[in-house]
Amino acid sequence: MAKAKGDTILQALTEYDQWKETVVDLGFVPALIEYLKKLHSPLHCNRLILPGLTGSIPEKVVCAECSRPMEKFIMYRCCTD
């Protein structure tokens, strides 16, 4: 399985011609993962908002892009921008 943000996956699939030769050697998903690693920026920022009143919030959540543990914050807001 490969995972990344939607715009990164879309970019990788749009640029398939740039990495299609590696599909023959690695297979589609491993080749996609390798290309996604090349697109990954160390300056990324992911945000995951979990509802606070509808169940338990996990102690540990990992980043979908770099697999590092995410910091937990409590946020109050009145708008959904």
N, C-alpha and C. Protein backbone atom coordinates (compact mmCIF):
# COMPACT_ATOMS: atom_id res chain seq x y z
N MET A 1 0.84 -1.17 0.00
CA MET A 1 0.00 0.00 0.00
C MET A 1 0.89 1.24 0.00
N ALA A 2 0.51 2.23 -0.74
CA ALA A 2 1.21 3.51 -0.77
C ALA A 2 0.28 4.56 -0.17
N LYS A 3 0.85 5.51 0.59
CA LYS A 3 0.02 6.57 1.15
C LYS A 3 0.77 7.90 1.10
N ALA A 4 0.01 8.94 0.82
CA ALA A 4 0.53 10.31 0.77
C ALA A 4 -0.68 11.22 0.68
N LYS A 5 -0.43 12.52 0.74
CA LYS A 5 -1.51 13.49 0.56
C LYS A 5 -2.06 13.38 -0.85
N GLY A 6 -3.33 13.76 -1.01
CA GLY A 6 -4.00 13.64 -2.30
C GLY A 6 -3.29 14.35 -3.43
N ASP A 7 -2.81 15.57 -3.18
CA ASP A 7 -2.14 16.30 -4.26
C ASP A 7 -0.81 15.65 -4.64
N THR A 8 -0.13 15.02 -3.68
CA THR A 8 1.14 14.34 -3.97
C THR A 8 0.89 13.07 -4.78
N ILE A 9 -0.13 12.31 -4.41
CA ILE A 9 -0.49 11.11 -5.18
C ILE A 9 -0.89 11.50 -6.60
N LEU A 10 -1.70 12.54 -6.73
CA LEU A 10 -2.12 13.00 -8.05
C LEU A 10 -0.93 13.42 -8.90
N GLN A 11 0.02 14.13 -8.30
CA GLN A 11 1.23 14.54 -9.02
C GLN A 11 2.02 13.31 -9.48
N ALA A 12 2.17 12.32 -8.60
CA ALA A 12 2.92 11.11 -8.96
C ALA A 12 2.25 10.38 -10.12
N LEU A 13 0.94 10.25 -10.07
CA LEU A 13 0.24 9.55 -11.14
C LEU A 13 0.25 10.34 -12.45
N THR A 14 0.19 11.66 -12.35
CA THR A 14 0.27 12.51 -13.54
C THR A 14 1.64 12.40 -14.19
N GLU A 15 2.68 12.23 -13.36
CA GLU A 15 4.06 12.15 -13.85
C GLU A 15 4.51 10.70 -14.05
N TYR A 16 3.58 9.81 -14.29
CA TYR A 16 3.87 8.38 -14.44
C TYR A 16 4.96 8.11 -15.48
N ASP A 17 4.98 8.87 -16.55
CA ASP A 17 5.99 8.65 -17.60
C ASP A 17 7.41 8.79 -17.07
N GLN A 18 7.60 9.54 -15.99
CA GLN A 18 8.94 9.74 -15.44
C GLN A 18 9.43 8.54 -14.63
N TRP A 19 8.54 7.68 -14.15
CA TRP A 19 8.96 6.55 -13.32
C TRP A 19 8.43 5.20 -13.79
N LYS A 20 7.84 5.16 -15.00
CA LYS A 20 7.23 3.91 -15.46
C LYS A 20 8.25 2.80 -15.73
N GLU A 21 9.50 3.13 -16.01
CA GLU A 21 10.52 2.11 -16.24
C GLU A 21 10.79 1.29 -14.97
N THR A 22 10.66 1.92 -13.80
CA THR A 22 10.91 1.20 -12.55
C THR A 22 9.78 0.23 -12.20
N VAL A 23 8.61 0.40 -12.82
CA VAL A 23 7.49 -0.50 -12.58
C VAL A 23 7.83 -1.91 -13.05
N VAL A 24 8.56 -2.03 -14.15
CA VAL A 24 8.94 -3.34 -14.69
C VAL A 24 9.80 -4.09 -13.67
N ASP A 25 10.74 -3.40 -13.03
CA ASP A 25 11.66 -4.05 -12.08
C ASP A 25 11.04 -4.24 -10.70
N LEU A 26 10.33 -3.24 -10.21
CA LEU A 26 9.85 -3.27 -8.82
C LEU A 26 8.40 -3.69 -8.68
N GLY A 27 7.59 -3.44 -9.68
CA GLY A 27 6.15 -3.59 -9.56
C GLY A 27 5.54 -2.20 -9.36
N PHE A 28 4.23 -2.08 -9.59
CA PHE A 28 3.61 -0.75 -9.58
C PHE A 28 3.66 -0.07 -8.22
N VAL A 29 3.19 -0.73 -7.17
CA VAL A 29 3.12 -0.08 -5.86
C VAL A 29 4.51 0.25 -5.32
N PRO A 30 5.49 -0.67 -5.34
CA PRO A 30 6.83 -0.29 -4.87
C PRO A 30 7.45 0.86 -5.68
N ALA A 31 7.21 0.88 -6.99
CA ALA A 31 7.72 1.97 -7.81
C ALA A 31 7.04 3.29 -7.45
N LEU A 32 5.74 3.23 -7.20
CA LEU A 32 5.01 4.42 -6.77
C LEU A 32 5.55 4.94 -5.44
N ILE A 33 5.80 4.04 -4.49
CA ILE A 33 6.34 4.44 -3.19
C ILE A 33 7.70 5.11 -3.36
N GLU A 34 8.55 4.56 -4.20
CA GLU A 34 9.88 5.15 -4.44
C GLU A 34 9.74 6.55 -5.03
N TYR A 35 8.82 6.74 -5.96
CA TYR A 35 8.63 8.06 -6.56
C TYR A 35 8.05 9.04 -5.55
N LEU A 36 7.14 8.57 -4.71
CA LEU A 36 6.58 9.44 -3.68
C LEU A 36 7.66 9.90 -2.70
N LYS A 37 8.62 9.03 -2.40
CA LYS A 37 9.73 9.43 -1.53
C LYS A 37 10.54 10.56 -2.15
N LYS A 38 10.68 10.54 -3.48
CA LYS A 38 11.40 11.63 -4.17
C LYS A 38 10.62 12.93 -4.12
N LEU A 39 9.29 12.84 -4.11
CA LEU A 39 8.45 14.05 -4.07
C LEU A 39 8.31 14.60 -2.66
N HIS A 40 8.61 13.77 -1.65
CA HIS A 40 8.43 14.17 -0.26
C HIS A 40 9.33 15.35 0.09
N SER A 41 8.77 16.34 0.73
CA SER A 41 9.51 17.51 1.19
C SER A 41 9.68 17.43 2.70
N PRO A 42 10.89 17.68 3.21
CA PRO A 42 11.06 17.66 4.66
C PRO A 42 10.33 18.82 5.35
N LEU A 43 9.82 19.76 4.57
CA LEU A 43 9.12 20.92 5.13
C LEU A 43 7.62 20.73 5.09
N HIS A 44 7.15 19.49 5.09
CA HIS A 44 5.72 19.23 5.04
C HIS A 44 5.08 19.53 6.40
N CYS A 45 3.80 19.68 6.38
CA CYS A 45 3.06 19.87 7.62
C CYS A 45 1.71 19.20 7.46
N ASN A 46 1.44 18.22 8.27
CA ASN A 46 0.15 17.54 8.23
C ASN A 46 -0.66 17.95 9.44
N ARG A 47 -1.96 18.00 9.26
CA ARG A 47 -2.87 18.33 10.35
C ARG A 47 -4.01 17.34 10.31
N LEU A 48 -4.33 16.79 11.45
CA LEU A 48 -5.41 15.83 11.57
C LEU A 48 -6.30 16.32 12.70
N ILE A 49 -7.56 16.60 12.42
CA ILE A 49 -8.48 17.08 13.44
C ILE A 49 -9.42 15.94 13.80
N LEU A 50 -9.37 15.53 15.06
CA LEU A 50 -10.23 14.47 15.55
C LEU A 50 -11.35 15.08 16.39
N PRO A 51 -12.56 14.58 16.27
CA PRO A 51 -13.64 15.12 17.10
C PRO A 51 -13.39 14.80 18.57
N GLY A 52 -13.63 15.76 19.44
CA GLY A 52 -13.30 15.60 20.85
C GLY A 52 -14.37 14.93 21.69
N LEU A 53 -15.59 14.88 21.24
CA LEU A 53 -16.66 14.39 22.10
C LEU A 53 -17.30 13.08 21.63
N THR A 54 -16.82 12.51 20.55
CA THR A 54 -17.49 11.35 20.00
C THR A 54 -16.74 10.05 20.23
N GLY A 55 -15.78 10.02 21.12
CA GLY A 55 -15.04 8.79 21.36
C GLY A 55 -13.66 9.07 21.89
N SER A 56 -12.86 8.04 21.96
CA SER A 56 -11.51 8.22 22.49
C SER A 56 -10.57 8.71 21.40
N ILE A 57 -9.60 9.49 21.80
CA ILE A 57 -8.58 9.99 20.90
C ILE A 57 -7.32 9.16 21.14
N PRO A 58 -6.73 8.60 20.08
CA PRO A 58 -5.56 7.74 20.27
C PRO A 58 -4.39 8.51 20.87
N GLU A 59 -3.59 7.81 21.68
CA GLU A 59 -2.41 8.43 22.28
C GLU A 59 -1.35 8.74 21.24
N LYS A 60 -1.23 7.89 20.23
CA LYS A 60 -0.18 8.07 19.22
C LYS A 60 -0.80 8.03 17.83
N VAL A 61 -0.51 9.05 17.02
CA VAL A 61 -0.92 9.10 15.63
C VAL A 61 0.33 9.41 14.83
N VAL A 62 0.57 8.67 13.75
CA VAL A 62 1.77 8.90 12.95
C VAL A 62 1.43 9.68 11.69
N CYS A 63 2.39 10.46 11.23
CA CYS A 63 2.24 11.26 10.01
C CYS A 63 2.09 10.33 8.80
N ALA A 64 1.16 10.64 7.92
CA ALA A 64 0.93 9.83 6.73
C ALA A 64 2.08 9.92 5.74
N GLU A 65 2.88 10.98 5.81
CA GLU A 65 3.95 11.16 4.84
C GLU A 65 5.29 10.66 5.33
N CYS A 66 5.65 10.94 6.60
CA CYS A 66 7.00 10.60 7.06
C CYS A 66 7.01 9.54 8.15
N SER A 67 5.84 9.12 8.62
CA SER A 67 5.68 8.08 9.64
C SER A 67 6.24 8.45 11.01
N ARG A 68 6.50 9.73 11.23
CA ARG A 68 6.92 10.17 12.57
C ARG A 68 5.70 10.43 13.43
N PRO A 69 5.84 10.27 14.75
CA PRO A 69 4.70 10.57 15.63
C PRO A 69 4.32 12.05 15.53
N MET A 70 3.03 12.31 15.53
CA MET A 70 2.55 13.70 15.48
C MET A 70 2.36 14.21 16.91
N GLU A 71 2.55 15.51 17.10
CA GLU A 71 2.30 16.12 18.41
C GLU A 71 0.80 16.28 18.60
N LYS A 72 0.36 16.18 19.84
CA LYS A 72 -1.06 16.32 20.13
C LYS A 72 -1.32 17.72 20.71
N PHE A 73 -2.29 18.41 20.15
CA PHE A 73 -2.70 19.72 20.61
C PHE A 73 -4.21 19.72 20.82
N ILE A 74 -4.68 20.62 21.65
CA ILE A 74 -6.11 20.84 21.80
C ILE A 74 -6.42 22.18 21.14
N MET A 75 -7.43 22.18 20.27
CA MET A 75 -7.75 23.40 19.54
C MET A 75 -9.23 23.72 19.72
N TYR A 76 -9.52 24.96 19.97
CA TYR A 76 -10.90 25.45 20.01
C TYR A 76 -11.06 26.40 18.84
N ARG A 77 -12.18 26.28 18.13
CA ARG A 77 -12.44 27.20 17.03
C ARG A 77 -13.93 27.31 16.80
N CYS A 78 -14.33 28.44 16.22
CA CYS A 78 -15.74 28.64 15.95
C CYS A 78 -16.06 28.55 14.46
N CYS A 79 -15.06 28.61 13.63
CA CYS A 79 -15.27 28.57 12.18
C CYS A 79 -14.63 27.30 11.60
N THR A 80 -15.06 26.93 10.43
CA THR A 80 -14.52 25.72 9.82
C THR A 80 -13.66 26.03 8.60
N ASP A 81 -12.94 27.17 8.61
CA ASP A 81 -12.13 27.50 7.43
C ASP A 81 -10.99 26.57 7.30
